[in-house]
């Protein structure tokens, strides 16, 4: 088994375990035991160093474990969203949007906001309507093709 696979399995297990209420209770109990033991050790520097060192090490390691778990979860969500976009008549230009630059994302967001405002104005102009009973019964909202969207995105 490769180190990468081993780390992924371990980080998933640790992430799942540390997210449980029982783990939180155990951590609180450890801190309470440490605090109660203070008078036994005269609140010495060694007594303080135990909690400081322990929490620092755990925090340092958890950064990598949680980041790995978050990266994996984020990638899975992106893949699922890409599949939904490709399986529907949605704009294919959104597939892989997580790889755009910050400026391209900002431009895309502005374009989406403009289209949302235009769609709201169009609905207002059409007058009051009875809202649909289910989300899938909503009528299509007019929007530019993916080609015109890409052209607007690349425009200065």
Protein backbone atom coordinates (compact mmCIF):
# COMPACT_ATOMS: atom_id res chain seq x y z
CA UNK A 1 0.00 0.00 0.00
CA UNK A 2 1.34 3.40 -0.92
CA UNK A 3 1.97 6.08 1.72
CA UNK A 4 -0.57 8.32 -0.02
CA UNK A 5 -3.32 5.71 0.29
CA UNK A 6 -2.39 4.95 3.87
CA UNK A 7 -2.50 8.66 4.77
CA UNK A 8 -5.89 9.09 3.08
CA UNK A 9 -7.37 6.13 4.98
CA UNK A 10 -5.84 7.31 8.26
CA UNK A 11 -6.92 10.94 7.81
CA UNK A 12 -10.46 9.86 6.95
CA UNK A 13 -10.66 7.67 10.07
CA UNK A 14 -9.14 10.34 12.34
CA UNK A 15 -11.38 13.05 10.88
CA UNK A 16 -14.46 10.90 11.40
CA UNK A 17 -13.44 9.98 14.97
CA UNK A 18 -12.56 13.52 16.05
CA UNK A 19 -15.89 14.82 14.79
CA UNK A 20 -17.82 12.71 17.31
CA UNK A 21 -19.35 14.11 20.53
CA UNK A 22 -17.65 11.35 22.52
CA UNK A 23 -14.23 12.55 21.39
CA UNK A 24 -15.08 16.07 22.49
CA UNK A 25 -16.19 14.83 25.92
CA UNK A 26 -12.94 12.85 26.30
CA UNK A 27 -10.92 15.96 25.42
CA UNK A 28 -12.83 18.05 27.96
CA UNK A 29 -12.32 15.37 30.62
CA UNK A 30 -8.58 15.32 29.93
CA UNK A 31 -8.40 19.09 30.40
CA UNK A 32 -10.44 18.85 33.63
CA UNK A 33 -8.16 16.09 34.97
CA UNK A 34 -5.14 18.19 34.05
CA UNK A 35 -6.60 21.27 35.78
CA UNK A 36 -7.53 19.30 38.92
CA UNK A 37 -4.02 17.84 39.06
CA UNK A 38 -2.53 21.35 39.21
CA UNK A 39 -2.36 21.53 43.03
CA UNK A 40 -0.76 18.05 43.19
CA UNK A 41 2.09 19.30 41.02
CA UNK A 42 2.18 22.78 42.57
CA UNK A 43 1.14 24.34 39.27
CA UNK A 44 4.73 23.83 38.16
CA UNK A 45 6.18 24.74 34.81
CA UNK A 46 6.35 21.05 33.91
CA UNK A 47 2.64 20.70 34.70
CA UNK A 48 1.87 23.63 32.36
CA UNK A 49 4.27 22.30 29.73
CA UNK A 50 2.38 18.99 29.57
CA UNK A 51 -0.87 20.60 28.39
CA UNK A 52 0.89 23.13 26.16
CA UNK A 53 2.99 20.52 24.41
CA UNK A 54 0.13 18.03 24.08
CA UNK A 55 -2.29 20.52 22.60
CA UNK A 56 0.33 21.96 20.27
CA UNK A 57 1.27 18.56 18.87
CA UNK A 58 -2.35 17.52 18.43
CA UNK A 59 -3.23 20.82 16.75
CA UNK A 60 -0.23 20.60 14.42
CA UNK A 61 -1.13 17.07 13.29
CA UNK A 62 -4.85 17.80 13.00
CA UNK A 63 -4.16 20.63 10.54
CA UNK A 64 -2.87 18.08 8.01
CA UNK A 65 -5.55 15.50 8.73
CA UNK A 66 -8.42 17.97 8.44
CA UNK A 67 -6.97 19.66 5.35
CA UNK A 68 -6.69 16.28 3.64
CA UNK A 69 -10.25 15.43 4.56
CA UNK A 70 -11.50 18.84 3.40
CA UNK A 71 -9.61 18.57 0.10
CA UNK A 72 -11.10 15.14 -0.58
CA UNK A 73 -14.62 16.27 0.33
CA UNK A 74 -14.29 19.44 -1.77
CA UNK A 75 -13.10 17.46 -4.78
CA UNK A 76 -15.97 15.01 -4.40
CA UNK A 77 -18.50 17.86 -4.28
CA UNK A 78 -16.94 19.46 -7.38
CA UNK A 79 -17.09 16.17 -9.25
CA UNK A 80 -20.74 15.71 -8.31
CA UNK A 81 -21.59 19.25 -9.39
CA UNK A 82 -19.72 18.78 -12.67
CA UNK A 83 -21.70 15.59 -13.30
CA UNK A 84 -24.98 17.40 -12.62
CA UNK A 85 -24.02 20.23 -14.97
CA UNK A 86 -23.05 17.81 -17.72
CA UNK A 87 -26.17 15.68 -17.23
CA UNK A 88 -28.54 18.66 -17.47
CA UNK A 89 -28.98 21.55 -19.85
CA UNK A 90 -27.06 23.84 -17.51
CA UNK A 91 -24.18 25.99 -18.70
CA UNK A 92 -21.22 23.71 -19.40
CA UNK A 93 -18.91 26.68 -18.95
CA UNK A 94 -19.31 26.21 -15.20
CA UNK A 95 -17.65 22.78 -15.27
CA UNK A 96 -14.23 23.17 -13.67
CA UNK A 97 -15.00 26.68 -12.36
CA UNK A 98 -12.92 25.90 -9.26
CA UNK A 99 -9.82 26.11 -11.46
CA UNK A 100 -10.51 29.65 -12.68
CA UNK A 101 -8.48 32.59 -11.45
CA UNK A 102 -9.94 34.90 -8.81
CA UNK A 103 -10.63 37.55 -11.45
CA UNK A 104 -12.39 35.05 -13.73
CA UNK A 105 -14.53 33.85 -10.82
CA UNK A 106 -15.38 37.45 -9.91
CA UNK A 107 -16.37 38.16 -13.53
CA UNK A 108 -18.47 35.00 -13.66
CA UNK A 109 -20.20 35.95 -10.40
CA UNK A 110 -20.94 39.44 -11.74
CA UNK A 111 -22.35 37.93 -14.92
CA UNK A 112 -24.55 35.55 -12.90
CA UNK A 113 -25.75 38.42 -10.70
CA UNK A 114 -26.61 40.48 -13.80
CA UNK A 115 -28.55 37.54 -15.25
CA UNK A 116 -30.34 37.01 -11.94
CA UNK A 117 -31.40 40.68 -11.83
CA UNK A 118 -32.57 40.52 -15.45
CA UNK A 119 -34.58 37.36 -14.74
CA UNK A 120 -36.17 38.97 -11.66
CA UNK A 121 -37.08 42.06 -13.69
CA UNK A 122 -38.55 39.87 -16.42
CA UNK A 123 -40.68 38.02 -13.85
CA UNK A 124 -41.85 41.31 -12.34
CA UNK A 125 -42.76 42.63 -15.79
CA UNK A 126 -44.84 39.51 -16.46
CA UNK A 127 -46.94 40.28 -13.41
CA UNK A 128 -47.89 38.19 -10.39
CA UNK A 129 -47.99 34.44 -10.85
CA UNK A 130 -49.01 31.62 -8.64
CA UNK A 131 -45.78 29.99 -7.40
CA UNK A 132 -45.22 26.45 -8.66
CA UNK A 133 -46.03 23.62 -6.29
CA UNK A 134 -42.66 21.94 -6.81
CA UNK A 135 -39.19 23.18 -7.68
CA UNK A 136 -39.03 21.10 -10.89
CA UNK A 137 -42.15 22.85 -12.22
CA UNK A 138 -40.40 26.22 -12.49
CA UNK A 139 -40.35 27.58 -16.00
CA UNK A 140 -37.07 28.16 -17.82
CA UNK A 141 -35.32 31.45 -17.26
CA UNK A 142 -33.90 33.04 -20.40
CA UNK A 143 -30.13 33.26 -20.33
CA UNK A 144 -27.37 33.64 -22.87
CA UNK A 145 -25.71 30.59 -24.37
CA UNK A 146 -22.49 29.22 -22.94
CA UNK A 147 -20.65 30.67 -25.95
CA UNK A 148 -21.81 34.24 -25.23
CA UNK A 149 -21.10 33.70 -21.52
CA UNK A 150 -17.50 32.70 -22.26
CA UNK A 151 -17.09 35.73 -24.52
CA UNK A 152 -18.37 38.05 -21.77
CA UNK A 153 -16.04 36.35 -19.27
CA UNK A 154 -13.01 36.98 -21.48
CA UNK A 155 -13.96 40.58 -22.22
CA UNK A 156 -11.84 43.19 -20.38
